[in-house]
């Protein structure tokens, strides 16, 4: 990770902490990192490694000149917090935001129209290094900054780029919210198992291990998901009977399509 100056991380909750852990694991110098986070109690492991932490932006050293500001606070907190970082942007800092709903134009309006801005949408499996992040940059980002932003997010999983910022909305719907849909699948599968007569704890164990195992299999296999599905489905067998329900005209696909459309629309509204 080639940084020309300090990295300023604004917000270090679960996602910010996962990112920082990934960066340090890839060799980022802890002494080059400054965190703005009201409480340092949960940051002790980072502070012990040499990372700096302040409770608010006005407590940062006056001579600090970060090369990159990573915004990892909740979207509803940005409106009040963002203006405090305009001076850093005017001094040359680029911005990488993982705040949902905030358009690149909004950052340019607050921080300055010439500010290099990368907008990223990661998801919660980043906490275990298995995240998926899609990034989009404005016209002021050069190849070096795009490479740096990609490297920073690759520390917690896979990455992809889009040139059309409008695609971040369906990205948010599919991968940003996707883990919640998978967790719901586990809940539904376990409940269905209970109703079929299984003890509750066994039904949940079967659901959790089956879904996580299937995820690992699709990740490690070169076969398309459709092929893996067919490999499990014997002619005239039990799995086929279930798939006849799930793949019916009113089955899972139209329901998922409707759900993604609703989430995409809400993402556009928030922006």
C-alpha atoms as a PDB file:
ATOM      1  CA  UNK A   1       0.000   0.000   0.000  1.00  0.00           C
ATOM      2  CA  UNK A   2       1.720   3.116  -1.261  1.00  0.00           C
ATOM      3  CA  UNK A   3       0.561   6.104   0.785  1.00  0.00           C
ATOM      4  CA  UNK A   4       2.257   9.464   0.367  1.00  0.00           C
ATOM      5  CA  UNK A   5       1.178  10.578   3.838  1.00  0.00           C
ATOM      6  CA  UNK A   6      -0.923   9.618   6.858  1.00  0.00           C
ATOM      7  CA  UNK A   7      -4.236   7.807   6.562  1.00  0.00           C
ATOM      8  CA  UNK A   8      -7.111   9.393   8.477  1.00  0.00           C
ATOM      9  CA  UNK A   9      -9.870   6.921   9.387  1.00  0.00           C
ATOM     10  CA  UNK A  10     -13.072   8.674  10.451  1.00  0.00           C
ATOM     11  CA  UNK A  11     -15.108   6.122  12.366  1.00  0.00           C
ATOM     12  CA  UNK A  12     -13.798   2.796  13.600  1.00  0.00           C
ATOM     13  CA  UNK A  13     -16.785   0.619  14.362  1.00  0.00           C
ATOM     14  CA  UNK A  14     -17.201  -2.901  13.034  1.00  0.00           C
ATOM     15  CA  UNK A  15     -16.567  -2.065   9.382  1.00  0.00           C
ATOM     16  CA  UNK A  16     -13.854   0.497  10.047  1.00  0.00           C
ATOM     17  CA  UNK A  17     -12.167  -1.885  12.462  1.00  0.00           C
ATOM     18  CA  UNK A  18     -12.306  -4.749   9.954  1.00  0.00           C
ATOM     19  CA  UNK A  19     -10.734  -2.530   7.320  1.00  0.00           C
ATOM     20  CA  UNK A  20      -7.996  -1.341   9.655  1.00  0.00           C
ATOM     21  CA  UNK A  21      -7.181  -4.889  10.734  1.00  0.00           C
ATOM     22  CA  UNK A  22      -6.879  -5.871   7.088  1.00  0.00           C
ATOM     23  CA  UNK A  23      -4.610  -2.912   6.282  1.00  0.00           C
ATOM     24  CA  UNK A  24      -2.279  -3.548   9.178  1.00  0.00           C
ATOM     25  CA  UNK A  25      -2.155  -7.207   8.240  1.00  0.00           C
ATOM     26  CA  UNK A  26      -0.955  -6.153   4.802  1.00  0.00           C
ATOM     27  CA  UNK A  27       1.853  -4.073   6.180  1.00  0.00           C
ATOM     28  CA  UNK A  28       0.413  -0.587   6.642  1.00  0.00           C
ATOM     29  CA  UNK A  29       2.517   1.281   9.206  1.00  0.00           C
ATOM     30  CA  UNK A  30       0.339   1.736  12.335  1.00  0.00           C
ATOM     31  CA  UNK A  31       2.087   5.015  13.118  1.00  0.00           C
ATOM     32  CA  UNK A  32       0.755   6.454   9.846  1.00  0.00           C
ATOM     33  CA  UNK A  33      -2.883   5.888  10.880  1.00  0.00           C
ATOM     34  CA  UNK A  34      -5.020   8.420  12.739  1.00  0.00           C
ATOM     35  CA  UNK A  35      -8.506   7.421  13.928  1.00  0.00           C
ATOM     36  CA  UNK A  36     -11.301   9.832  14.785  1.00  0.00           C
ATOM     37  CA  UNK A  37     -13.564   7.905  17.151  1.00  0.00           C
ATOM     38  CA  UNK A  38     -15.286   9.215  20.319  1.00  0.00           C
ATOM     39  CA  UNK A  39     -14.253   6.251  22.465  1.00  0.00           C
ATOM     40  CA  UNK A  40     -10.959   4.420  22.338  1.00  0.00           C
ATOM     41  CA  UNK A  41     -11.921   1.576  24.673  1.00  0.00           C
ATOM     42  CA  UNK A  42     -12.622  -0.892  21.853  1.00  0.00           C
ATOM     43  CA  UNK A  43      -9.517   0.251  19.970  1.00  0.00           C
ATOM     44  CA  UNK A  44      -6.984  -0.828  22.567  1.00  0.00           C
ATOM     45  CA  UNK A  45      -5.474  -3.538  20.373  1.00  0.00           C
ATOM     46  CA  UNK A  46      -4.888  -0.995  17.604  1.00  0.00           C
ATOM     47  CA  UNK A  47      -3.544   1.665  19.952  1.00  0.00           C
ATOM     48  CA  UNK A  48      -1.114  -0.817  21.456  1.00  0.00           C
ATOM     49  CA  UNK A  49       0.284  -1.355  17.960  1.00  0.00           C
ATOM     50  CA  UNK A  50       0.970   2.349  17.494  1.00  0.00           C
ATOM     51  CA  UNK A  51      -2.189   3.662  15.827  1.00  0.00           C
ATOM     52  CA  UNK A  52      -3.218   7.195  16.906  1.00  0.00           C
ATOM     53  CA  UNK A  53      -6.737   8.037  18.079  1.00  0.00           C
ATOM     54  CA  UNK A  54      -8.567  11.263  18.883  1.00  0.00           C
ATOM     55  CA  UNK A  55     -12.154  11.751  20.002  1.00  0.00           C
ATOM     56  CA  UNK A  56     -13.047  14.474  17.486  1.00  0.00           C
ATOM     57  CA  UNK A  57     -11.714  16.163  14.366  1.00  0.00           C
ATOM     58  CA  UNK A  58     -10.744  19.327  16.229  1.00  0.00           C
ATOM     59  CA  UNK A  59      -8.330  17.273  18.357  1.00  0.00           C
ATOM     60  CA  UNK A  60      -6.222  16.266  15.356  1.00  0.00           C
ATOM     61  CA  UNK A  61      -2.758  17.837  15.119  1.00  0.00           C
ATOM     62  CA  UNK A  62      -2.882  21.140  13.254  1.00  0.00           C
ATOM     63  CA  UNK A  63       0.046  20.131  11.083  1.00  0.00           C
ATOM     64  CA  UNK A  64      -1.440  16.751  10.085  1.00  0.00           C
ATOM     65  CA  UNK A  65      -1.581  16.381   6.305  1.00  0.00           C
ATOM     66  CA  UNK A  66      -3.336  13.107   5.501  1.00  0.00           C
ATOM     67  CA  UNK A  67      -2.964  11.686   2.022  1.00  0.00           C
ATOM     68  CA  UNK A  68      -6.292   9.887   2.328  1.00  0.00           C
ATOM     69  CA  UNK A  69      -9.401  10.310   4.454  1.00  0.00           C
ATOM     70  CA  UNK A  70     -11.453   7.135   4.829  1.00  0.00           C
ATOM     71  CA  UNK A  71     -15.017   7.883   5.909  1.00  0.00           C
ATOM     72  CA  UNK A  72     -16.447   4.902   7.791  1.00  0.00           C
ATOM     73  CA  UNK A  73     -19.089   6.616   9.928  1.00  0.00           C
ATOM     74  CA  UNK A  74     -22.828   6.006   9.706  1.00  0.00           C
ATOM     75  CA  UNK A  75     -24.403   7.912   6.786  1.00  0.00           C
ATOM     76  CA  UNK A  76     -26.667   9.951   9.071  1.00  0.00           C
ATOM     77  CA  UNK A  77     -23.611  11.294  10.904  1.00  0.00           C
ATOM     78  CA  UNK A  78     -21.819  12.573   7.809  1.00  0.00           C
ATOM     79  CA  UNK A  79     -23.822  15.752   7.298  1.00  0.00           C
ATOM     80  CA  UNK A  80     -22.568  17.186  10.595  1.00  0.00           C
ATOM     81  CA  UNK A  81     -19.093  15.652  10.486  1.00  0.00           C
ATOM     82  CA  UNK A  82     -17.995  16.165   6.887  1.00  0.00           C
ATOM     83  CA  UNK A  83     -17.426  19.958   6.874  1.00  0.00           C
ATOM     84  CA  UNK A  84     -14.739  19.492   9.542  1.00  0.00           C
ATOM     85  CA  UNK A  85     -12.540  17.776   6.960  1.00  0.00           C
ATOM     86  CA  UNK A  86     -12.758  20.351   4.172  1.00  0.00           C
ATOM     87  CA  UNK A  87      -9.435  21.874   5.198  1.00  0.00           C
ATOM     88  CA  UNK A  88      -7.677  18.536   4.758  1.00  0.00           C
ATOM     89  CA  UNK A  89      -9.266  18.113   1.320  1.00  0.00           C
ATOM     90  CA  UNK A  90      -8.204  21.614   0.302  1.00  0.00           C
ATOM     91  CA  UNK A  91      -4.674  20.728   1.397  1.00  0.00           C
ATOM     92  CA  UNK A  92      -4.639  17.791  -1.005  1.00  0.00           C
ATOM     93  CA  UNK A  93      -6.218  14.829   0.811  1.00  0.00           C
ATOM     94  CA  UNK A  94      -8.263  12.399  -1.259  1.00  0.00           C
ATOM     95  CA  UNK A  95     -11.437  10.817   0.116  1.00  0.00           C
ATOM     96  CA  UNK A  96     -12.594   7.203   0.226  1.00  0.00           C
ATOM     97  CA  UNK A  97     -16.150   6.789   1.527  1.00  0.00           C
ATOM     98  CA  UNK A  98     -17.975   3.608   2.507  1.00  0.00           C
ATOM     99  CA  UNK A  99     -21.084   5.523   3.646  1.00  0.00           C
ATOM    100  CA  UNK A 100     -24.218   4.190   1.981  1.00  0.00           C
ATOM    101  CA  UNK A 101     -26.398   6.650   0.100  1.00  0.00           C
ATOM    102  CA  UNK A 102     -23.895   9.503  -0.133  1.00  0.00           C
ATOM    103  CA  UNK A 103     -23.286  10.451  -3.757  1.00  0.00           C
ATOM    104  CA  UNK A 104     -19.924  11.637  -5.039  1.00  0.00           C
ATOM    105  CA  UNK A 105     -21.474  15.018  -5.874  1.00  0.00           C
ATOM    106  CA  UNK A 106     -22.409  15.510  -2.213  1.00  0.00           C
ATOM    107  CA  UNK A 107     -18.786  15.057  -1.143  1.00  0.00           C
ATOM    108  CA  UNK A 108     -17.615  17.458  -3.852  1.00  0.00           C
ATOM    109  CA  UNK A 109     -20.142  20.046  -2.684  1.00  0.00           C
ATOM    110  CA  UNK A 110     -18.961  19.940   0.936  1.00  0.00           C
ATOM    111  CA  UNK A 111     -15.241  19.270   0.489  1.00  0.00           C
ATOM    112  CA  UNK A 112     -14.571  21.126  -2.753  1.00  0.00           C
ATOM    113  CA  UNK A 113     -15.304  20.384  -6.380  1.00  0.00           C
ATOM    114  CA  UNK A 114     -11.699  19.352  -7.136  1.00  0.00           C
ATOM    115  CA  UNK A 115     -11.479  16.768  -4.358  1.00  0.00           C
ATOM    116  CA  UNK A 116     -10.596  13.250  -5.557  1.00  0.00           C
ATOM    117  CA  UNK A 117     -13.406  11.017  -4.259  1.00  0.00           C
ATOM    118  CA  UNK A 118     -13.797   7.244  -4.346  1.00  0.00           C
ATOM    119  CA  UNK A 119     -17.145   5.837  -3.264  1.00  0.00           C
ATOM    120  CA  UNK A 120     -17.176   2.217  -2.115  1.00  0.00           C
ATOM    121  CA  UNK A 121     -19.897  -0.198  -1.048  1.00  0.00           C
ATOM    122  CA  UNK A 122     -18.520  -3.088   1.032  1.00  0.00           C
ATOM    123  CA  UNK A 123     -20.571  -5.668   2.917  1.00  0.00           C
ATOM    124  CA  UNK A 124     -20.366  -7.173   6.382  1.00  0.00           C
ATOM    125  CA  UNK A 125     -18.437 -10.383   5.519  1.00  0.00           C
ATOM    126  CA  UNK A 126     -15.476  -7.999   5.352  1.00  0.00           C
ATOM    127  CA  UNK A 127     -15.301  -8.658   9.100  1.00  0.00           C
ATOM    128  CA  UNK A 128     -13.950 -12.132   8.316  1.00  0.00           C
ATOM    129  CA  UNK A 129     -11.982 -11.152   5.228  1.00  0.00           C
ATOM    130  CA  UNK A 130     -14.685 -12.417   2.849  1.00  0.00           C
ATOM    131  CA  UNK A 131     -16.300  -9.159   1.845  1.00  0.00           C
ATOM    132  CA  UNK A 132     -17.389  -7.895  -1.562  1.00  0.00           C
ATOM    133  CA  UNK A 133     -16.797  -4.235  -2.396  1.00  0.00           C
ATOM    134  CA  UNK A 134     -17.727  -2.272  -5.500  1.00  0.00           C
ATOM    135  CA  UNK A 135     -15.995   1.064  -6.068  1.00  0.00           C
ATOM    136  CA  UNK A 136     -16.629   4.140  -8.215  1.00  0.00           C
ATOM    137  CA  UNK A 137     -14.371   7.192  -8.593  1.00  0.00           C
ATOM    138  CA  UNK A 138     -14.825  10.766  -9.772  1.00  0.00           C
ATOM    139  CA  UNK A 139     -12.823  12.336 -12.597  1.00  0.00           C
ATOM    140  CA  UNK A 140     -10.183  13.743 -10.218  1.00  0.00           C
ATOM    141  CA  UNK A 141      -8.927  10.283  -9.186  1.00  0.00           C
ATOM    142  CA  UNK A 142      -5.819   9.162 -11.031  1.00  0.00           C
ATOM    143  CA  UNK A 143      -4.664   5.592 -11.574  1.00  0.00           C
ATOM    144  CA  UNK A 144      -2.523   5.619  -8.448  1.00  0.00           C
ATOM    145  CA  UNK A 145      -5.447   6.597  -6.217  1.00  0.00           C
ATOM    146  CA  UNK A 146      -7.740   4.054  -7.820  1.00  0.00           C
ATOM    147  CA  UNK A 147      -5.067   1.417  -7.262  1.00  0.00           C
ATOM    148  CA  UNK A 148      -4.648   2.434  -3.627  1.00  0.00           C
ATOM    149  CA  UNK A 149      -8.409   2.404  -2.974  1.00  0.00           C
ATOM    150  CA  UNK A 150      -8.687  -1.009  -4.588  1.00  0.00           C
ATOM    151  CA  UNK A 151      -5.816  -2.352  -2.497  1.00  0.00           C
ATOM    152  CA  UNK A 152      -7.347  -1.004   0.723  1.00  0.00           C
ATOM    153  CA  UNK A 153     -10.680  -2.723   0.092  1.00  0.00           C
ATOM    154  CA  UNK A 154      -9.044  -5.895  -1.261  1.00  0.00           C
ATOM    155  CA  UNK A 155      -7.608  -6.316   2.238  1.00  0.00           C
ATOM    156  CA  UNK A 156     -11.055  -7.520   3.354  1.00  0.00           C
ATOM    157  CA  UNK A 157     -12.270  -9.432   0.305  1.00  0.00           C
ATOM    158  CA  UNK A 158     -12.946  -9.157  -3.402  1.00  0.00           C
ATOM    159  CA  UNK A 159     -13.412  -5.891  -5.310  1.00  0.00           C
ATOM    160  CA  UNK A 160     -14.921  -4.665  -8.559  1.00  0.00           C
ATOM    161  CA  UNK A 161     -15.194  -1.231 -10.198  1.00  0.00           C
ATOM    162  CA  UNK A 162     -18.060   0.493 -11.989  1.00  0.00           C
ATOM    163  CA  UNK A 163     -17.824   3.721 -13.972  1.00  0.00           C
ATOM    164  CA  UNK A 164     -21.537   4.547 -13.665  1.00  0.00           C
ATOM    165  CA  UNK A 165     -22.238   5.661 -10.097  1.00  0.00           C
ATOM    166  CA  UNK A 166     -25.906   4.831 -10.603  1.00  0.00           C
ATOM    167  CA  UNK A 167     -24.984   1.146 -10.475  1.00  0.00           C
ATOM    168  CA  UNK A 168     -24.017   1.528  -6.811  1.00  0.00           C
ATOM    169  CA  UNK A 169     -27.732   1.456  -5.963  1.00  0.00           C
ATOM    170  CA  UNK A 170     -28.358  -2.093  -7.253  1.00  0.00           C
ATOM    171  CA  UNK A 171     -24.944  -3.074  -5.874  1.00  0.00           C
ATOM    172  CA  UNK A 172     -26.163  -1.906  -2.469  1.00  0.00           C
ATOM    173  CA  UNK A 173     -29.321  -3.968  -2.919  1.00  0.00           C
ATOM    174  CA  UNK A 174     -27.539  -7.153  -4.042  1.00  0.00           C
ATOM    175  CA  UNK A 175     -24.270  -7.348  -2.097  1.00  0.00           C
ATOM    176  CA  UNK A 176     -24.686  -4.650   0.541  1.00  0.00           C
ATOM    177  CA  UNK A 177     -27.896  -6.198   1.838  1.00  0.00           C
ATOM    178  CA  UNK A 178     -27.161  -9.675   0.510  1.00  0.00           C
ATOM    179  CA  UNK A 179     -25.802 -11.098   3.777  1.00  0.00           C
ATOM    180  CA  UNK A 180     -29.107 -10.274   5.479  1.00  0.00           C
ATOM    181  CA  UNK A 181     -30.995 -12.230   2.828  1.00  0.00           C
ATOM    182  CA  UNK A 182     -28.721 -15.228   3.371  1.00  0.00           C
ATOM    183  CA  UNK A 183     -29.188 -15.001   7.136  1.00  0.00           C
ATOM    184  CA  UNK A 184     -32.950 -14.928   6.554  1.00  0.00           C
ATOM    185  CA  UNK A 185     -32.604 -18.045   4.395  1.00  0.00           C
ATOM    186  CA  UNK A 186     -30.952 -19.779   7.341  1.00  0.00           C
ATOM    187  CA  UNK A 187     -33.801 -18.716   9.625  1.00  0.00           C
ATOM    188  CA  UNK A 188     -36.435 -19.901   7.148  1.00  0.00           C
ATOM    189  CA  UNK A 189     -34.678 -23.187   6.472  1.00  0.00           C
ATOM    190  CA  UNK A 190     -34.392 -23.898  10.193  1.00  0.00           C
ATOM    191  CA  UNK A 191     -38.033 -23.016  10.822  1.00  0.00           C
ATOM    192  CA  UNK A 192     -39.136 -25.252   7.960  1.00  0.00           C
ATOM    193  CA  UNK A 193     -37.051 -28.050   9.453  1.00  0.00           C
ATOM    194  CA  UNK A 194     -38.788 -27.576  12.797  1.00  0.00           C
ATOM    195  CA  UNK A 195     -42.193 -27.743  11.155  1.00  0.00           C
ATOM    196  CA  UNK A 196     -41.104 -30.978   9.470  1.00  0.00           C
ATOM    197  CA  UNK A 197     -40.440 -32.445  12.922  1.00  0.00           C
ATOM    198  CA  UNK A 198     -36.781 -31.662  13.694  1.00  0.00           C
ATOM    199  CA  UNK A 199     -35.713 -30.406  17.136  1.00  0.00           C
ATOM    200  CA  UNK A 200     -35.081 -26.640  16.986  1.00  0.00           C
ATOM    201  CA  UNK A 201     -31.365 -26.812  17.789  1.00  0.00           C
ATOM    202  CA  UNK A 202     -30.727 -29.528  15.206  1.00  0.00           C
ATOM    203  CA  UNK A 203     -32.749 -27.674  12.559  1.00  0.00           C
ATOM    204  CA  UNK A 204     -30.677 -24.526  13.115  1.00  0.00           C
ATOM    205  CA  UNK A 205     -27.410 -26.470  13.048  1.00  0.00           C
ATOM    206  CA  UNK A 206     -28.393 -28.114   9.770  1.00  0.00           C
ATOM    207  CA  UNK A 207     -29.385 -24.757   8.255  1.00  0.00           C
ATOM    208  CA  UNK A 208     -26.254 -22.879   9.369  1.00  0.00           C
ATOM    209  CA  UNK A 209     -23.761 -25.541   8.346  1.00  0.00           C
ATOM    210  CA  UNK A 210     -25.534 -26.288   5.063  1.00  0.00           C
ATOM    211  CA  UNK A 211     -25.636 -22.632   3.965  1.00  0.00           C
ATOM    212  CA  UNK A 212     -22.067 -21.877   5.033  1.00  0.00           C
ATOM    213  CA  UNK A 213     -20.837 -25.098   3.422  1.00  0.00           C
ATOM    214  CA  UNK A 214     -22.670 -24.378   0.183  1.00  0.00           C
ATOM    215  CA  UNK A 215     -21.132 -20.891   0.171  1.00  0.00           C
ATOM    216  CA  UNK A 216     -17.654 -22.339   0.574  1.00  0.00           C
ATOM    217  CA  UNK A 217     -18.331 -24.837  -2.205  1.00  0.00           C
ATOM    218  CA  UNK A 218     -19.493 -22.219  -4.703  1.00  0.00           C
ATOM    219  CA  UNK A 219     -16.517 -20.058  -3.767  1.00  0.00           C
ATOM    220  CA  UNK A 220     -13.985 -22.812  -4.359  1.00  0.00           C
ATOM    221  CA  UNK A 221     -15.604 -24.348  -7.436  1.00  0.00           C
ATOM    222  CA  UNK A 222     -15.129 -23.186 -11.015  1.00  0.00           C
ATOM    223  CA  UNK A 223     -18.595 -24.471 -11.880  1.00  0.00           C
ATOM    224  CA  UNK A 224     -21.511 -22.023 -12.284  1.00  0.00           C
ATOM    225  CA  UNK A 225     -24.043 -21.966  -9.462  1.00  0.00           C
ATOM    226  CA  UNK A 226     -26.636 -23.469 -11.774  1.00  0.00           C
ATOM    227  CA  UNK A 227     -24.394 -26.464 -12.436  1.00  0.00           C
ATOM    228  CA  UNK A 228     -23.767 -26.988  -8.727  1.00  0.00           C
ATOM    229  CA  UNK A 229     -27.527 -26.902  -8.162  1.00  0.00           C
ATOM    230  CA  UNK A 230     -28.101 -29.505 -10.853  1.00  0.00           C
ATOM    231  CA  UNK A 231     -25.365 -31.696  -9.356  1.00  0.00           C
ATOM    232  CA  UNK A 232     -27.377 -31.930  -6.136  1.00  0.00           C
ATOM    233  CA  UNK A 233     -30.663 -32.595  -7.912  1.00  0.00           C
ATOM    234  CA  UNK A 234     -31.364 -36.237  -8.708  1.00  0.00           C
ATOM    235  CA  UNK A 235     -34.118 -37.016 -11.234  1.00  0.00           C
ATOM    236  CA  UNK A 236     -37.399 -37.692  -9.439  1.00  0.00           C
ATOM    237  CA  UNK A 237     -35.658 -37.154  -6.090  1.00  0.00           C
ATOM    238  CA  UNK A 238     -36.478 -35.177  -2.978  1.00  0.00           C
ATOM    239  CA  UNK A 239     -34.448 -32.075  -3.936  1.00  0.00           C
ATOM    240  CA  UNK A 240     -36.315 -31.807  -7.226  1.00  0.00           C
ATOM    241  CA  UNK A 241     -39.631 -31.779  -5.381  1.00  0.00           C
ATOM    242  CA  UNK A 242     -38.462 -28.821  -3.300  1.00  0.00           C
ATOM    243  CA  UNK A 243     -37.035 -27.002  -6.332  1.00  0.00           C
ATOM    244  CA  UNK A 244     -40.336 -27.424  -8.175  1.00  0.00           C
ATOM    245  CA  UNK A 245     -41.802 -25.176  -5.475  1.00  0.00           C
ATOM    246  CA  UNK A 246     -38.897 -22.736  -5.226  1.00  0.00           C
ATOM    247  CA  UNK A 247     -38.516 -22.386  -9.008  1.00  0.00           C
ATOM    248  CA  UNK A 248     -42.198 -22.035  -9.822  1.00  0.00           C
ATOM    249  CA  UNK A 249     -43.518 -18.893 -11.523  1.00  0.00           C
ATOM    250  CA  UNK A 250     -44.460 -17.500  -8.126  1.00  0.00           C
ATOM    251  CA  UNK A 251     -41.410 -18.958  -6.376  1.00  0.00           C
ATOM    252  CA  UNK A 252     -38.109 -17.569  -5.183  1.00  0.00           C
ATOM    253  CA  UNK A 253     -36.902 -15.716  -8.315  1.00  0.00           C
ATOM    254  CA  UNK A 254     -39.806 -13.250  -8.694  1.00  0.00           C
ATOM    255  CA  UNK A 255     -39.766 -12.654  -4.945  1.00  0.00           C
ATOM    256  CA  UNK A 256     -36.030 -11.938  -4.975  1.00  0.00           C
ATOM    257  CA  UNK A 257     -36.363  -9.713  -8.031  1.00  0.00           C
ATOM    258  CA  UNK A 258     -39.060  -7.699  -6.263  1.00  0.00           C
ATOM    259  CA  UNK A 259     -36.941  -7.453  -3.112  1.00  0.00           C
ATOM    260  CA  UNK A 260     -33.856  -6.209  -4.987  1.00  0.00           C
ATOM    261  CA  UNK A 261     -35.950  -3.690  -6.897  1.00  0.00           C
ATOM    262  CA  UNK A 262     -37.354  -2.356  -3.606  1.00  0.00           C
ATOM    263  CA  UNK A 263     -33.911  -2.059  -2.041  1.00  0.00           C
ATOM    264  CA  UNK A 264     -32.516  -0.370  -5.169  1.00  0.00           C
ATOM    265  CA  UNK A 265     -35.336   2.172  -5.152  1.00  0.00           C
ATOM    266  CA  UNK A 266     -34.741   2.912  -1.477  1.00  0.00           C
ATOM    267  CA  UNK A 267     -31.031   3.396  -2.106  1.00  0.00           C
ATOM    268  CA  UNK A 268     -31.840   5.955  -4.792  1.00  0.00           C
ATOM    269  CA  UNK A 269     -34.210   7.745  -2.424  1.00  0.00           C
ATOM    270  CA  UNK A 270     -31.543   7.946   0.284  1.00  0.00           C
ATOM    271  CA  UNK A 271     -29.094   9.439  -2.203  1.00  0.00           C
END
